[in-house]
Amino acid sequence: MEQTDKDEALFLVEAPLEDVITSFYHLSVASDGEPITRHVCPNLEMMLIINFGVPVRISFHNNPLDTEVIGRTAVIGPLRQMLNYELLPGADALVVNFKFNGFQRLFDMPLTGLAGEKGTNAEILTGDGRFNNLWEELAVLPTTDQRVSLLKRTAVGLLKENDKVIQTVISNLAQFFDPCVDPVKAIAADTRLSERSIQMKFQKHTGYSVKELLRFLRFKEVIAYILARSNQKIAIFDLIARHDYHDQSHLIKDFQYFLGLAPQQFIKNLNNGSFCVVSDTYPGQP
């Protein structure tokens, strides 16, 4: 979750955690402040939310803000659909944003079906006992700096070597933009594994399929294009042609899947400043 509000602070990450964690983010609202509502763009990555203040209401896609409530801790991801959240007066939370398979490298938790029967498009695990001790240790610390320092030390202690095949995938992410290359086939040749083995290992470590990643990468480029031209009039058919969509219905289908909004509605809503894009692991299109 990234914003520019004065009650929020970004904590950068150093080695050896720079390959597994994007950032630590502190979210807070003063007891006499105004409620804040934000909408976070999907990024297919994991986040751990550690809450020390009032409960935080969240929802996914275009659902109202009463679907889930974060008390102490929540694991969210892979973030396939827009995340909506509300910070009330007294809010105080830390968010750990993970890179690629970073969450799996630290906690070795299965990412496929994280939330059980709740569905595969809005994964959230709240109040899990595996994070209770961590919450207790953090809650007694008086400052956010001390909490972030403890989180970093804990993460270093949990860090495991990356899977060699997944490391090969990470090193070859640029191939996912090359229409002349089948990335799975190319990586299978490099690692001497079957394409199915690559796909299964990829999904185990990231929580999503290669097909989902390819779909997301194209949508990410659409969002980046729109954000770079937020003060200009954007023609929908330019988006279709530039990003290789079949037709308007194909583009609309992706907007509905990831955001629950039509393209025109998303463009219109950009002006209210409530939409956030969290930095992700994936490279932009060359």
Protein backbone atom coordinates (compact mmCIF):
# COMPACT_ATOMS: atom_id res chain seq x y z
CA MET A 1 0.00 0.00 0.00
CA GLU A 2 1.68 3.20 -1.09
CA GLN A 3 0.41 6.75 -0.77
CA THR A 4 1.79 10.22 -0.20
CA ASP A 5 -0.29 11.21 2.84
CA LYS A 6 1.61 12.90 5.67
CA ASP A 7 0.62 10.13 8.10
CA GLU A 8 2.47 7.47 6.12
CA ALA A 9 6.13 6.54 5.82
CA LEU A 10 8.11 4.26 3.54
CA PHE A 11 11.00 2.19 4.92
CA LEU A 12 13.43 0.93 2.29
CA VAL A 13 15.01 -2.51 2.32
CA GLU A 14 18.69 -3.42 2.25
CA ALA A 15 20.60 -6.64 1.53
CA PRO A 16 20.01 -9.51 2.08
CA LEU A 17 16.26 -8.74 2.07
CA GLU A 18 16.18 -6.70 -1.14
CA ASP A 19 15.36 -9.80 -3.20
CA VAL A 20 12.35 -10.79 -1.08
CA ILE A 21 10.77 -7.58 0.26
CA THR A 22 9.90 -4.44 -1.71
CA SER A 23 9.27 -2.17 1.27
CA PHE A 24 7.83 -1.70 4.73
CA TYR A 25 5.03 0.84 4.84
CA HIS A 26 3.56 2.55 7.90
CA LEU A 27 -0.08 3.63 7.71
CA SER A 28 -1.61 5.81 10.40
CA VAL A 29 -4.34 8.34 11.08
CA ALA A 30 -4.35 10.62 14.12
CA SER A 31 -7.11 10.13 16.67
CA ASP A 32 -8.61 13.45 15.57
CA GLY A 33 -7.96 12.89 11.86
CA GLU A 34 -10.34 12.18 9.00
CA PRO A 35 -11.05 8.67 7.65
CA ILE A 36 -9.08 7.72 4.53
CA THR A 37 -10.27 5.34 1.83
CA ARG A 38 -7.89 4.04 -0.82
CA HIS A 39 -7.96 1.60 -3.75
CA VAL A 40 -4.83 -0.41 -4.56
CA CYS A 41 -4.14 -1.72 -8.05
CA PRO A 42 -3.51 -5.48 -8.35
CA ASN A 43 0.17 -6.47 -8.55
CA LEU A 44 0.09 -10.28 -8.10
CA GLU A 45 2.26 -10.00 -5.01
CA MET A 46 1.91 -10.83 -1.33
CA MET A 47 1.56 -8.46 1.60
CA LEU A 48 1.59 -8.98 5.36
CA ILE A 49 -0.43 -6.43 7.34
CA ILE A 50 0.30 -6.02 11.05
CA ASN A 51 -2.30 -3.84 12.73
CA PHE A 52 -1.73 -2.06 16.06
CA GLY A 53 -4.65 0.35 15.92
CA VAL A 54 -8.38 0.26 15.28
CA PRO A 55 -9.68 -2.51 12.98
CA VAL A 56 -9.20 -1.89 9.25
CA ARG A 57 -12.08 -2.62 6.90
CA ILE A 58 -11.13 -3.95 3.49
CA SER A 59 -12.75 -5.42 0.42
CA PHE A 60 -11.70 -6.64 -3.01
CA HIS A 61 -12.74 -5.80 -6.55
CA ASN A 62 -15.80 -3.51 -6.49
CA ASN A 63 -17.28 -4.89 -3.27
CA PRO A 64 -18.30 -2.56 -0.40
CA LEU A 65 -16.00 -2.02 2.57
CA ASP A 66 -17.49 -4.61 4.88
CA THR A 67 -16.22 -7.84 3.35
CA GLU A 68 -13.25 -8.35 5.69
CA VAL A 69 -11.90 -6.72 8.84
CA ILE A 70 -8.24 -6.83 9.86
CA GLY A 71 -7.76 -7.07 13.61
CA ARG A 72 -4.14 -8.00 14.39
CA THR A 73 -2.67 -9.57 11.26
CA ALA A 74 -3.61 -10.44 7.71
CA VAL A 75 -1.84 -12.05 4.79
CA ILE A 76 -3.19 -10.85 1.45
CA GLY A 77 -2.26 -12.14 -1.96
CA PRO A 78 -1.34 -12.85 -4.56
CA LEU A 79 -3.21 -9.59 -5.16
CA ARG A 80 -5.19 -10.42 -8.29
CA GLN A 81 -7.96 -7.86 -7.87
CA MET A 82 -8.21 -4.30 -6.60
CA LEU A 83 -7.87 -3.95 -2.84
CA ASN A 84 -10.01 -1.32 -1.09
CA TYR A 85 -9.26 -0.26 2.47
CA GLU A 86 -10.39 2.28 5.03
CA LEU A 87 -8.23 3.89 7.71
CA LEU A 88 -10.23 5.35 10.59
CA PRO A 89 -8.96 7.78 13.25
CA GLY A 90 -6.58 5.81 15.46
CA ALA A 91 -5.35 3.58 12.62
CA ASP A 92 -1.78 2.31 13.02
CA ALA A 93 -0.50 -0.50 10.81
CA LEU A 94 2.64 -1.79 9.15
CA VAL A 95 2.51 -3.35 5.70
CA VAL A 96 5.24 -5.62 4.37
CA ASN A 97 5.18 -5.75 0.56
CA PHE A 98 6.90 -8.87 -0.81
CA LYS A 99 8.68 -9.43 -4.12
CA PHE A 100 7.79 -12.29 -6.45
CA ASN A 101 8.18 -15.45 -4.28
CA GLY A 102 9.62 -13.58 -1.28
CA PHE A 103 6.76 -14.47 1.07
CA GLN A 104 7.20 -18.16 0.30
CA ARG A 105 10.96 -17.94 0.87
CA LEU A 106 10.40 -16.54 4.36
CA PHE A 107 7.34 -18.40 5.63
CA ASP A 108 7.19 -21.52 3.42
CA MET A 109 3.39 -21.35 3.40
CA PRO A 110 1.37 -22.74 0.47
CA LEU A 111 0.16 -19.88 -1.70
CA THR A 112 -2.33 -21.84 -3.76
CA GLY A 113 -5.67 -21.77 -1.97
CA LEU A 114 -4.30 -19.63 0.86
CA ALA A 115 -7.80 -18.71 2.01
CA GLY A 116 -9.32 -22.16 1.60
CA GLU A 117 -12.92 -22.00 0.38
CA LYS A 118 -13.09 -18.20 0.22
CA GLY A 119 -12.16 -18.20 -3.44
CA THR A 120 -9.04 -17.85 -5.56
CA ASN A 121 -9.38 -14.25 -6.69
CA ALA A 122 -9.38 -12.52 -3.30
CA GLU A 123 -6.99 -14.36 -1.02
CA ILE A 124 -6.83 -13.19 2.59
CA LEU A 125 -5.80 -15.01 5.74
CA THR A 126 -6.64 -13.09 8.93
CA GLY A 127 -5.63 -13.74 12.52
CA ASP A 128 -3.43 -16.72 11.68
CA GLY A 129 -1.72 -18.14 14.77
CA ARG A 130 1.65 -18.31 13.02
CA PHE A 131 1.90 -14.52 13.26
CA ASN A 132 0.57 -14.02 16.81
CA ASN A 133 3.99 -14.19 18.48
CA LEU A 134 5.39 -11.72 15.99
CA TRP A 135 2.51 -9.32 16.66
CA GLU A 136 3.08 -9.59 20.43
CA GLU A 137 6.78 -8.79 20.06
CA LEU A 138 6.10 -5.81 17.82
CA ALA A 139 3.18 -4.38 19.80
CA VAL A 140 5.29 -3.67 22.91
CA LEU A 141 7.82 -1.59 20.97
CA PRO A 142 7.18 2.17 21.30
CA THR A 143 8.22 3.38 17.83
CA THR A 144 7.66 2.40 14.22
CA ASP A 145 11.42 2.47 13.57
CA GLN A 146 11.95 -0.18 16.25
CA ARG A 147 9.15 -2.30 14.84
CA VAL A 148 10.59 -2.16 11.33
CA SER A 149 14.05 -3.06 12.67
CA LEU A 150 12.61 -6.10 14.44
CA LEU A 151 10.75 -7.14 11.29
CA LYS A 152 13.98 -6.92 9.31
CA ARG A 153 15.91 -9.02 11.84
CA THR A 154 13.11 -11.59 11.91
CA ALA A 155 13.03 -11.78 8.12
CA VAL A 156 16.79 -12.26 7.88
CA GLY A 157 16.53 -15.15 10.34
CA LEU A 158 13.77 -16.81 8.27
CA LEU A 159 15.33 -16.25 4.84
CA LYS A 160 15.93 -19.38 2.76
CA GLU A 161 17.90 -19.87 -0.45
CA ASN A 162 15.85 -19.32 -3.55
CA ASP A 163 14.73 -22.26 -5.64
CA LYS A 164 17.10 -22.56 -8.63
CA VAL A 165 14.32 -22.89 -11.19
CA ILE A 166 12.44 -19.88 -9.78
CA GLN A 167 15.68 -17.90 -9.81
CA THR A 168 16.02 -18.76 -13.50
CA VAL A 169 12.48 -17.47 -14.08
CA ILE A 170 13.28 -14.22 -12.26
CA SER A 171 16.44 -13.77 -14.32
CA ASN A 172 14.48 -14.20 -17.54
CA LEU A 173 11.37 -12.11 -16.88
CA ALA A 174 12.12 -9.96 -19.93
CA GLN A 175 11.33 -13.00 -22.10
CA PHE A 176 7.70 -12.75 -21.01
CA PHE A 177 7.40 -9.64 -23.21
CA ASP A 178 8.86 -11.27 -26.33
CA PRO A 179 6.02 -12.49 -28.59
CA CYS A 180 8.50 -14.70 -30.47
CA VAL A 181 9.53 -16.62 -27.35
CA ASP A 182 7.55 -19.09 -25.28
CA PRO A 183 9.03 -18.26 -21.84
CA VAL A 184 8.08 -21.57 -20.26
CA LYS A 185 9.58 -23.54 -23.13
CA ALA A 186 12.77 -21.46 -23.03
CA ILE A 187 13.17 -21.88 -19.26
CA ALA A 188 12.43 -25.60 -19.53
CA ALA A 189 15.24 -25.92 -22.05
CA ASP A 190 17.65 -24.03 -19.77
CA THR A 191 16.78 -26.11 -16.70
CA ARG A 192 16.23 -29.46 -18.47
CA LEU A 193 12.82 -29.82 -16.85
CA SER A 194 9.47 -30.41 -18.52
CA GLU A 195 7.22 -27.45 -19.26
CA ARG A 196 4.63 -28.87 -16.87
CA SER A 197 7.22 -29.08 -14.09
CA ILE A 198 8.12 -25.43 -14.65
CA GLN A 199 4.47 -24.38 -14.56
CA MET A 200 3.74 -26.35 -11.37
CA LYS A 201 6.84 -25.09 -9.58
CA PHE A 202 6.07 -21.52 -10.65
CA GLN A 203 2.54 -21.71 -9.24
CA LYS A 204 3.72 -23.34 -6.00
CA HIS A 205 6.20 -20.54 -5.29
CA THR A 206 4.16 -17.56 -6.49
CA GLY A 207 0.52 -18.60 -6.04
CA TYR A 208 -0.47 -17.88 -9.64
CA SER A 209 0.10 -19.38 -13.08
CA VAL A 210 2.35 -18.25 -15.91
CA LYS A 211 -0.81 -17.54 -17.91
CA GLU A 212 -2.05 -15.21 -15.15
CA LEU A 213 1.30 -13.43 -15.11
CA LEU A 214 1.19 -12.80 -18.85
CA ARG A 215 -2.32 -11.39 -18.54
CA PHE A 216 -1.29 -9.16 -15.65
CA LEU A 217 1.84 -7.85 -17.41
CA ARG A 218 -0.24 -6.59 -20.32
CA PHE A 219 -2.78 -4.97 -17.99
CA LYS A 220 0.03 -3.38 -16.00
CA GLU A 221 1.24 -1.69 -19.18
CA VAL A 222 -2.28 -0.38 -19.86
CA ILE A 223 -2.48 1.16 -16.38
CA ALA A 224 1.01 2.67 -16.69
CA TYR A 225 0.06 4.20 -20.04
CA ILE A 226 -3.10 5.74 -18.60
CA LEU A 227 -1.37 7.06 -15.47
CA ALA A 228 1.33 8.72 -17.57
CA ARG A 229 -1.42 10.59 -19.45
CA SER A 230 -3.80 11.32 -16.59
CA ASN A 231 -4.27 14.91 -17.78
CA GLN A 232 -4.95 13.93 -21.37
CA LYS A 233 -7.93 12.52 -23.17
CA ILE A 234 -7.38 8.81 -23.76
CA ALA A 235 -9.11 6.99 -26.60
CA ILE A 236 -10.19 3.47 -25.70
CA PHE A 237 -9.39 2.19 -29.18
CA ASP A 238 -5.83 3.48 -28.83
CA LEU A 239 -5.47 1.26 -25.75
CA ILE A 240 -6.82 -1.72 -27.69
CA ALA A 241 -4.40 -1.28 -30.59
CA ARG A 242 -1.34 -0.32 -28.53
CA HIS A 243 -1.63 -3.25 -26.12
CA ASP A 244 -2.74 -5.96 -28.57
CA TYR A 245 -6.27 -6.54 -27.31
CA HIS A 246 -8.62 -8.28 -29.72
CA ASP A 247 -11.40 -5.74 -29.37
CA GLN A 248 -13.18 -3.48 -26.88
CA SER A 249 -14.88 -6.36 -25.07
CA HIS A 250 -11.48 -8.00 -24.50
CA LEU A 251 -10.12 -4.81 -22.89
CA ILE A 252 -13.27 -4.33 -20.80
CA LYS A 253 -13.05 -7.94 -19.61
CA ASP A 254 -9.57 -7.33 -18.17
CA PHE A 255 -10.64 -4.09 -16.46
CA GLN A 256 -13.63 -5.86 -14.93
CA TYR A 257 -11.48 -8.78 -13.79
CA PHE A 258 -8.70 -6.77 -12.15
CA LEU A 259 -10.58 -3.65 -10.98
CA GLY A 260 -14.31 -4.29 -11.27
CA LEU A 261 -14.57 -1.10 -13.33
CA ALA A 262 -15.04 -0.20 -16.98
CA PRO A 263 -12.03 1.56 -18.58
CA GLN A 264 -13.91 4.87 -18.87
CA GLN A 265 -14.95 4.69 -15.21
CA PHE A 266 -11.38 4.02 -14.10
CA ILE A 267 -10.05 6.97 -16.11
CA LYS A 268 -12.73 9.22 -14.63
CA ASN A 269 -11.98 8.09 -11.05
CA LEU A 270 -8.26 8.82 -11.33
CA ASN A 271 -8.82 12.49 -10.59
CA ASN A 272 -9.97 11.93 -6.99
CA GLY A 273 -6.51 10.75 -5.88
CA SER A 274 -7.68 7.59 -4.11
CA PHE A 275 -6.11 5.09 -6.53
CA CYS A 276 -2.70 3.69 -5.54
CA VAL A 277 -0.15 1.69 -7.49
CA VAL A 278 2.28 -0.36 -5.40
CA SER A 279 5.72 -0.97 -6.88
CA ASP A 280 6.06 -4.55 -8.08
CA THR A 281 8.82 -6.94 -9.07
CA TYR A 282 8.05 -7.12 -12.74
CA PRO A 283 9.92 -5.14 -15.39
CA GLY A 284 8.14 -2.77 -17.71
CA GLN A 285 7.82 -3.59 -21.36
CA PRO A 286 11.06 -2.85 -23.27
